N, C-alpha and C. Protein backbone atom coordinates (compact mmCIF):
# COMPACT_ATOMS: atom_id res chain seq x y z
N MET A 1 -44.13 -24.37 2.98
CA MET A 1 -44.58 -25.50 2.18
C MET A 1 -43.39 -26.16 1.50
N ASN A 2 -42.51 -25.37 0.88
CA ASN A 2 -41.32 -25.91 0.22
C ASN A 2 -40.44 -26.67 1.18
N ARG A 3 -40.30 -26.13 2.40
CA ARG A 3 -39.42 -26.81 3.39
C ARG A 3 -40.05 -28.15 3.80
N LEU A 4 -41.36 -28.22 4.00
CA LEU A 4 -42.02 -29.46 4.34
C LEU A 4 -41.90 -30.49 3.20
N LEU A 5 -42.11 -30.03 1.98
CA LEU A 5 -41.96 -30.94 0.83
C LEU A 5 -40.54 -31.44 0.68
N SER A 6 -39.58 -30.59 0.90
CA SER A 6 -38.13 -31.01 0.84
C SER A 6 -37.87 -32.04 1.93
N SER A 7 -38.37 -31.82 3.12
CA SER A 7 -38.09 -32.74 4.21
C SER A 7 -38.70 -34.08 3.93
N LEU A 8 -39.96 -34.09 3.39
CA LEU A 8 -40.63 -35.37 3.09
C LEU A 8 -39.87 -36.07 1.97
N LEU A 9 -39.43 -35.35 1.00
CA LEU A 9 -38.67 -35.97 -0.10
C LEU A 9 -37.34 -36.58 0.40
N LEU A 10 -36.65 -35.90 1.28
CA LEU A 10 -35.42 -36.42 1.81
C LEU A 10 -35.66 -37.68 2.65
N VAL A 11 -36.72 -37.69 3.43
CA VAL A 11 -37.07 -38.88 4.22
C VAL A 11 -37.37 -40.06 3.34
N ALA A 12 -38.16 -39.81 2.27
CA ALA A 12 -38.47 -40.88 1.30
C ALA A 12 -37.21 -41.41 0.61
N LEU A 13 -36.37 -40.49 0.16
CA LEU A 13 -35.17 -40.90 -0.56
C LEU A 13 -34.20 -41.63 0.39
N ASN A 14 -34.09 -41.15 1.63
CA ASN A 14 -33.20 -41.80 2.60
C ASN A 14 -33.66 -43.26 2.84
N GLY A 15 -34.95 -43.46 2.89
CA GLY A 15 -35.49 -44.78 3.07
C GLY A 15 -35.11 -45.75 1.93
N LEU A 16 -34.92 -45.16 0.76
CA LEU A 16 -34.49 -45.93 -0.43
C LEU A 16 -33.02 -46.07 -0.51
N GLY A 17 -32.26 -45.43 0.39
CA GLY A 17 -30.83 -45.46 0.39
C GLY A 17 -30.21 -44.46 -0.56
N CYS A 18 -31.01 -43.45 -0.98
CA CYS A 18 -30.51 -42.48 -1.95
C CYS A 18 -30.05 -41.14 -1.40
N ALA A 19 -30.43 -40.85 -0.17
CA ALA A 19 -30.14 -39.50 0.35
C ALA A 19 -29.34 -39.49 1.63
N GLY A 20 -28.80 -40.63 2.01
CA GLY A 20 -28.00 -40.67 3.24
C GLY A 20 -26.65 -40.04 3.02
N ASP A 21 -25.85 -39.96 4.08
CA ASP A 21 -24.53 -39.44 3.97
C ASP A 21 -23.75 -40.32 2.95
N PHE A 22 -23.12 -39.64 2.05
CA PHE A 22 -22.37 -40.39 1.03
C PHE A 22 -20.87 -40.23 1.25
N THR A 23 -20.24 -41.28 1.64
CA THR A 23 -18.79 -41.27 1.82
C THR A 23 -18.24 -42.33 0.86
N PRO A 24 -17.48 -41.90 -0.11
CA PRO A 24 -16.97 -42.93 -1.07
C PRO A 24 -16.05 -43.88 -0.33
N THR A 25 -16.17 -45.15 -0.73
CA THR A 25 -15.34 -46.16 -0.15
C THR A 25 -13.94 -46.05 -0.74
N ALA A 26 -12.92 -46.09 0.14
CA ALA A 26 -11.56 -45.96 -0.32
C ALA A 26 -11.21 -47.23 -1.13
N THR A 27 -10.55 -47.04 -2.22
CA THR A 27 -10.04 -48.17 -3.04
C THR A 27 -8.88 -48.81 -2.32
N PRO A 28 -8.59 -50.03 -2.65
CA PRO A 28 -7.38 -50.68 -2.09
C PRO A 28 -6.11 -49.88 -2.37
N LEU A 29 -6.00 -49.33 -3.55
CA LEU A 29 -4.80 -48.55 -3.89
C LEU A 29 -4.73 -47.30 -2.98
N SER A 30 -5.85 -46.59 -2.83
CA SER A 30 -5.81 -45.39 -2.02
C SER A 30 -5.53 -45.69 -0.56
N ARG A 31 -5.98 -46.85 -0.08
CA ARG A 31 -5.67 -47.30 1.28
C ARG A 31 -4.16 -47.53 1.45
N LEU A 32 -3.60 -48.21 0.46
CA LEU A 32 -2.12 -48.47 0.50
C LEU A 32 -1.37 -47.13 0.45
N GLN A 33 -1.77 -46.23 -0.40
CA GLN A 33 -1.08 -44.94 -0.49
C GLN A 33 -1.18 -44.18 0.84
N THR A 34 -2.31 -44.25 1.51
CA THR A 34 -2.48 -43.57 2.80
C THR A 34 -1.55 -44.20 3.85
N VAL A 35 -1.51 -45.52 3.88
CA VAL A 35 -0.61 -46.22 4.85
C VAL A 35 0.85 -45.88 4.57
N TRP A 36 1.17 -45.74 3.26
CA TRP A 36 2.54 -45.37 2.84
C TRP A 36 2.87 -44.00 3.37
N ARG A 37 2.06 -43.04 3.16
CA ARG A 37 2.30 -41.66 3.56
C ARG A 37 2.39 -41.51 5.08
N SER A 38 1.47 -42.16 5.79
CA SER A 38 1.38 -41.94 7.28
C SER A 38 2.26 -42.83 8.05
N ASP A 39 2.74 -43.95 7.51
CA ASP A 39 3.48 -44.91 8.35
C ASP A 39 4.71 -45.48 7.65
N LEU A 40 4.46 -46.26 6.59
CA LEU A 40 5.59 -47.06 6.02
C LEU A 40 6.74 -46.21 5.54
N SER A 41 6.51 -45.10 4.94
CA SER A 41 7.59 -44.29 4.37
C SER A 41 8.54 -43.75 5.50
N LYS A 42 8.08 -43.81 6.70
CA LYS A 42 8.85 -43.34 7.86
C LYS A 42 9.65 -44.40 8.57
N ARG A 43 9.36 -45.65 8.24
CA ARG A 43 10.03 -46.81 8.95
C ARG A 43 11.45 -46.97 8.37
N GLU A 44 12.35 -47.29 9.23
CA GLU A 44 13.76 -47.51 8.89
C GLU A 44 13.92 -48.61 7.84
N ALA A 45 13.19 -49.68 7.99
CA ALA A 45 13.33 -50.82 7.07
C ALA A 45 12.96 -50.43 5.62
N PHE A 46 12.20 -49.38 5.45
CA PHE A 46 11.77 -48.97 4.08
C PHE A 46 12.68 -47.98 3.46
N LYS A 47 13.57 -47.39 4.24
CA LYS A 47 14.47 -46.29 3.80
C LYS A 47 15.17 -46.60 2.45
N PRO A 48 15.81 -47.81 2.31
CA PRO A 48 16.51 -48.09 1.05
C PRO A 48 15.60 -48.12 -0.15
N HIS A 49 14.28 -48.28 0.08
CA HIS A 49 13.34 -48.47 -1.09
C HIS A 49 12.39 -47.26 -1.18
N ASN A 50 12.57 -46.21 -0.36
CA ASN A 50 11.63 -45.09 -0.30
C ASN A 50 11.42 -44.47 -1.69
N GLY A 51 12.50 -44.09 -2.36
CA GLY A 51 12.36 -43.43 -3.68
C GLY A 51 11.56 -44.24 -4.69
N ARG A 52 11.89 -45.50 -4.76
CA ARG A 52 11.29 -46.40 -5.72
C ARG A 52 9.80 -46.60 -5.40
N LEU A 53 9.50 -46.91 -4.11
CA LEU A 53 8.07 -47.17 -3.77
C LEU A 53 7.24 -45.89 -3.83
N ALA A 54 7.81 -44.75 -3.41
CA ALA A 54 7.10 -43.54 -3.45
C ALA A 54 6.69 -43.20 -4.91
N GLN A 55 7.58 -43.50 -5.86
CA GLN A 55 7.22 -43.25 -7.25
C GLN A 55 6.22 -44.25 -7.78
N GLN A 56 6.50 -45.55 -7.54
CA GLN A 56 5.66 -46.58 -8.14
C GLN A 56 4.21 -46.60 -7.55
N LEU A 57 4.13 -46.31 -6.26
CA LEU A 57 2.79 -46.39 -5.65
C LEU A 57 1.83 -45.35 -6.25
N PHE A 58 2.36 -44.27 -6.84
CA PHE A 58 1.50 -43.23 -7.31
C PHE A 58 1.46 -43.19 -8.86
N GLU A 59 1.94 -44.22 -9.49
CA GLU A 59 1.83 -44.31 -11.00
C GLU A 59 0.60 -45.07 -11.30
N ARG A 60 -0.55 -44.36 -11.22
CA ARG A 60 -1.86 -45.03 -11.37
C ARG A 60 -2.02 -45.81 -12.66
N GLU A 61 -1.39 -45.39 -13.72
CA GLU A 61 -1.53 -46.10 -15.03
C GLU A 61 -0.73 -47.39 -15.06
N ARG A 62 0.18 -47.59 -14.13
CA ARG A 62 1.01 -48.81 -14.13
C ARG A 62 0.68 -49.74 -13.00
N VAL A 63 -0.09 -49.31 -12.00
CA VAL A 63 -0.38 -50.11 -10.86
C VAL A 63 -1.68 -50.92 -11.13
N LEU A 64 -1.55 -52.26 -10.92
CA LEU A 64 -2.67 -53.16 -11.17
C LEU A 64 -3.21 -53.63 -9.82
N VAL A 65 -4.52 -53.79 -9.79
CA VAL A 65 -5.18 -54.32 -8.58
C VAL A 65 -6.00 -55.52 -8.99
N ARG A 66 -5.82 -56.62 -8.31
CA ARG A 66 -6.58 -57.83 -8.64
C ARG A 66 -6.85 -58.62 -7.39
N GLU A 67 -7.86 -59.53 -7.47
CA GLU A 67 -8.19 -60.41 -6.34
C GLU A 67 -7.18 -61.61 -6.44
N SER A 68 -6.91 -62.15 -5.25
CA SER A 68 -5.97 -63.24 -5.18
C SER A 68 -6.29 -64.08 -3.92
N THR A 69 -5.53 -65.11 -3.72
CA THR A 69 -5.64 -65.94 -2.49
C THR A 69 -4.26 -66.06 -1.87
N GLY A 70 -4.22 -66.40 -0.63
CA GLY A 70 -2.96 -66.61 0.07
C GLY A 70 -2.10 -67.65 -0.60
N GLN A 71 -2.76 -68.70 -1.03
CA GLN A 71 -2.02 -69.81 -1.70
C GLN A 71 -1.35 -69.31 -3.01
N GLU A 72 -2.05 -68.55 -3.80
CA GLU A 72 -1.49 -67.97 -5.02
C GLU A 72 -0.33 -67.05 -4.71
N ALA A 73 -0.49 -66.21 -3.74
CA ALA A 73 0.56 -65.30 -3.36
C ALA A 73 1.80 -66.04 -2.83
N PHE A 74 1.57 -67.05 -1.99
CA PHE A 74 2.67 -67.82 -1.49
C PHE A 74 3.47 -68.50 -2.59
N ALA A 75 2.75 -69.10 -3.57
CA ALA A 75 3.43 -69.76 -4.67
C ALA A 75 4.29 -68.81 -5.47
N LEU A 76 3.76 -67.65 -5.71
CA LEU A 76 4.53 -66.62 -6.47
C LEU A 76 5.75 -66.16 -5.72
N ILE A 77 5.58 -65.81 -4.47
CA ILE A 77 6.67 -65.21 -3.71
C ILE A 77 7.69 -66.25 -3.32
N ASP A 78 7.26 -67.38 -2.85
CA ASP A 78 8.21 -68.42 -2.40
C ASP A 78 9.01 -68.96 -3.62
N GLY A 79 8.37 -69.02 -4.80
CA GLY A 79 9.09 -69.45 -5.97
C GLY A 79 9.98 -68.43 -6.60
N SER A 80 9.87 -67.17 -6.16
CA SER A 80 10.66 -66.09 -6.71
C SER A 80 11.88 -65.71 -5.88
N LEU A 81 11.84 -65.97 -4.59
CA LEU A 81 12.86 -65.46 -3.69
C LEU A 81 13.86 -66.57 -3.32
N ARG A 82 15.13 -66.29 -3.56
CA ARG A 82 16.19 -67.15 -3.05
C ARG A 82 16.39 -66.83 -1.56
N PRO A 83 16.97 -67.72 -0.78
CA PRO A 83 17.15 -67.39 0.65
C PRO A 83 17.91 -66.05 0.85
N SER A 84 18.81 -65.72 0.02
CA SER A 84 19.58 -64.49 0.19
C SER A 84 18.74 -63.24 -0.12
N GLU A 85 17.56 -63.42 -0.71
CA GLU A 85 16.68 -62.30 -1.07
C GLU A 85 15.53 -62.09 -0.15
N ARG A 86 15.47 -62.79 0.98
CA ARG A 86 14.37 -62.69 1.91
C ARG A 86 14.24 -61.26 2.48
N ALA A 87 15.33 -60.49 2.42
CA ALA A 87 15.26 -59.10 2.94
C ALA A 87 14.34 -58.23 2.04
N LEU A 88 14.00 -58.73 0.89
CA LEU A 88 13.10 -57.99 0.01
C LEU A 88 11.62 -58.03 0.50
N VAL A 89 11.38 -58.84 1.49
CA VAL A 89 10.08 -58.85 2.19
C VAL A 89 10.12 -57.73 3.20
N LEU A 90 9.37 -56.67 2.94
CA LEU A 90 9.45 -55.52 3.80
C LEU A 90 8.48 -55.50 4.94
N LEU A 91 7.37 -56.26 4.73
CA LEU A 91 6.32 -56.30 5.81
C LEU A 91 5.54 -57.62 5.63
N GLY A 92 5.32 -58.26 6.78
CA GLY A 92 4.47 -59.42 6.77
C GLY A 92 5.21 -60.74 6.92
N ASP A 93 4.45 -61.80 7.05
CA ASP A 93 4.95 -63.14 7.22
C ASP A 93 4.36 -64.00 6.13
N LEU A 94 5.22 -64.66 5.36
CA LEU A 94 4.82 -65.44 4.21
C LEU A 94 3.89 -66.64 4.62
N GLN A 95 4.17 -67.28 5.73
CA GLN A 95 3.33 -68.41 6.16
C GLN A 95 1.92 -67.95 6.55
N GLN A 96 1.83 -66.77 7.20
CA GLN A 96 0.51 -66.23 7.57
C GLN A 96 -0.25 -65.81 6.32
N LEU A 97 0.49 -65.24 5.37
CA LEU A 97 -0.17 -64.81 4.10
C LEU A 97 -0.76 -66.02 3.41
N ARG A 98 -0.07 -67.13 3.45
CA ARG A 98 -0.48 -68.36 2.73
C ARG A 98 -1.86 -68.82 3.24
N GLN A 99 -2.20 -68.54 4.48
CA GLN A 99 -3.45 -69.03 5.08
C GLN A 99 -4.64 -68.15 4.78
N GLN A 100 -4.49 -67.01 4.09
CA GLN A 100 -5.56 -66.09 3.80
C GLN A 100 -6.38 -66.61 2.61
N PRO A 101 -7.72 -66.76 2.80
CA PRO A 101 -8.56 -67.21 1.71
C PRO A 101 -8.80 -66.22 0.61
N ARG A 102 -8.86 -64.96 1.00
CA ARG A 102 -9.11 -63.88 0.01
C ARG A 102 -8.17 -62.72 0.27
N LEU A 103 -7.61 -62.19 -0.79
CA LEU A 103 -6.66 -61.03 -0.70
C LEU A 103 -6.91 -60.12 -1.89
N THR A 104 -6.53 -58.89 -1.74
CA THR A 104 -6.39 -58.00 -2.90
C THR A 104 -4.91 -57.72 -3.09
N GLU A 105 -4.44 -57.99 -4.27
CA GLU A 105 -3.04 -57.73 -4.62
C GLU A 105 -2.93 -56.41 -5.35
N ILE A 106 -1.99 -55.58 -4.92
CA ILE A 106 -1.68 -54.33 -5.61
C ILE A 106 -0.27 -54.53 -6.14
N TYR A 107 -0.08 -54.37 -7.45
CA TYR A 107 1.11 -54.84 -8.12
C TYR A 107 1.65 -53.75 -9.09
N HIS A 108 2.91 -53.54 -9.05
CA HIS A 108 3.58 -52.65 -10.02
C HIS A 108 4.70 -53.51 -10.67
N PRO A 109 4.67 -53.65 -11.99
CA PRO A 109 5.62 -54.52 -12.68
C PRO A 109 7.11 -54.03 -12.64
N GLY A 110 7.33 -52.82 -12.29
CA GLY A 110 8.66 -52.29 -12.27
C GLY A 110 9.00 -51.58 -13.58
N THR A 111 10.23 -51.13 -13.66
CA THR A 111 10.74 -50.40 -14.84
C THR A 111 12.04 -51.04 -15.28
N MET A 112 12.64 -50.47 -16.28
CA MET A 112 13.95 -50.97 -16.69
C MET A 112 14.98 -50.74 -15.59
N GLU A 113 14.85 -49.70 -14.78
CA GLU A 113 15.78 -49.35 -13.72
C GLU A 113 15.51 -50.12 -12.47
N PHE A 114 14.24 -50.28 -12.08
CA PHE A 114 13.87 -50.83 -10.76
C PHE A 114 12.91 -51.99 -10.88
N SER A 115 13.04 -52.92 -9.94
CA SER A 115 12.07 -54.02 -9.79
C SER A 115 10.73 -53.42 -9.32
N GLY A 116 9.65 -54.15 -9.50
CA GLY A 116 8.38 -53.74 -9.01
C GLY A 116 8.14 -54.24 -7.60
N PHE A 117 6.86 -54.07 -7.17
CA PHE A 117 6.46 -54.56 -5.88
C PHE A 117 5.08 -55.19 -5.94
N SER A 118 4.77 -55.96 -4.90
CA SER A 118 3.44 -56.48 -4.69
C SER A 118 3.05 -56.23 -3.25
N ALA A 119 1.84 -55.81 -3.01
CA ALA A 119 1.29 -55.64 -1.68
C ALA A 119 0.01 -56.46 -1.62
N TYR A 120 -0.28 -57.03 -0.46
CA TYR A 120 -1.46 -57.85 -0.30
C TYR A 120 -2.25 -57.29 0.88
N LEU A 121 -3.54 -57.04 0.61
CA LEU A 121 -4.46 -56.47 1.61
C LEU A 121 -5.49 -57.54 1.95
N ALA A 122 -5.92 -57.58 3.22
CA ALA A 122 -7.01 -58.38 3.66
C ALA A 122 -8.32 -57.74 3.16
N PRO A 123 -9.43 -58.52 3.20
CA PRO A 123 -10.72 -57.98 2.75
C PRO A 123 -11.12 -56.69 3.47
N ASP A 124 -10.63 -56.54 4.75
CA ASP A 124 -10.97 -55.31 5.49
C ASP A 124 -10.09 -54.14 5.19
N GLY A 125 -9.10 -54.33 4.22
CA GLY A 125 -8.21 -53.28 3.82
C GLY A 125 -6.90 -53.20 4.58
N LYS A 126 -6.68 -54.11 5.51
CA LYS A 126 -5.41 -54.06 6.27
C LYS A 126 -4.31 -54.61 5.40
N LEU A 127 -3.18 -53.91 5.43
CA LEU A 127 -1.99 -54.35 4.72
C LEU A 127 -1.37 -55.53 5.45
N LEU A 128 -1.27 -56.69 4.73
CA LEU A 128 -0.71 -57.88 5.37
C LEU A 128 0.73 -58.15 4.93
N PHE A 129 1.09 -57.77 3.72
CA PHE A 129 2.38 -58.17 3.16
C PHE A 129 2.81 -57.24 2.07
N LEU A 130 4.08 -56.88 2.04
CA LEU A 130 4.66 -56.04 1.02
C LEU A 130 6.04 -56.52 0.74
N TRP A 131 6.34 -56.70 -0.57
CA TRP A 131 7.67 -57.15 -0.98
C TRP A 131 8.08 -56.50 -2.27
N ILE A 132 9.44 -56.39 -2.41
CA ILE A 132 10.01 -55.93 -3.64
C ILE A 132 10.39 -57.14 -4.49
N MET A 133 9.97 -57.17 -5.72
CA MET A 133 10.31 -58.35 -6.53
C MET A 133 11.79 -58.30 -6.86
N PRO A 134 12.44 -59.44 -6.82
CA PRO A 134 13.87 -59.49 -7.08
C PRO A 134 14.18 -59.17 -8.54
N ALA A 135 15.34 -58.55 -8.82
CA ALA A 135 15.81 -58.25 -10.13
C ALA A 135 16.11 -59.57 -10.81
N GLU A 136 15.84 -59.64 -12.10
CA GLU A 136 16.09 -60.88 -12.82
C GLU A 136 17.50 -61.04 -13.18
């Protein structure tokens, strides 16, 4: 009897969306951290910045996540980088980023020692752009 009642209760709750498999949705920050561990930290282009990014990506109290647009991102980045600083763009294409209607920005403001970074993710969580902000 208890088994039958439990089964009926699970069927009823599942129909309401309450008893299905629960897999928490990864946050944009956790997605970026996963991509960092599994791929980016191993790339040659990232080697000069590995220590800084490895530390900053995991400082949860200092990392900010906000919604943005490609146009906002383009204005910020294009207005901040001199031609000699284009090497601070570690991943992505600025013109393609500009065309994105919706983005999630993951931002670390930096420290007294190091500049911060910004990463931009598409709505599906794909990393589109990552850059180190130039020192002032």
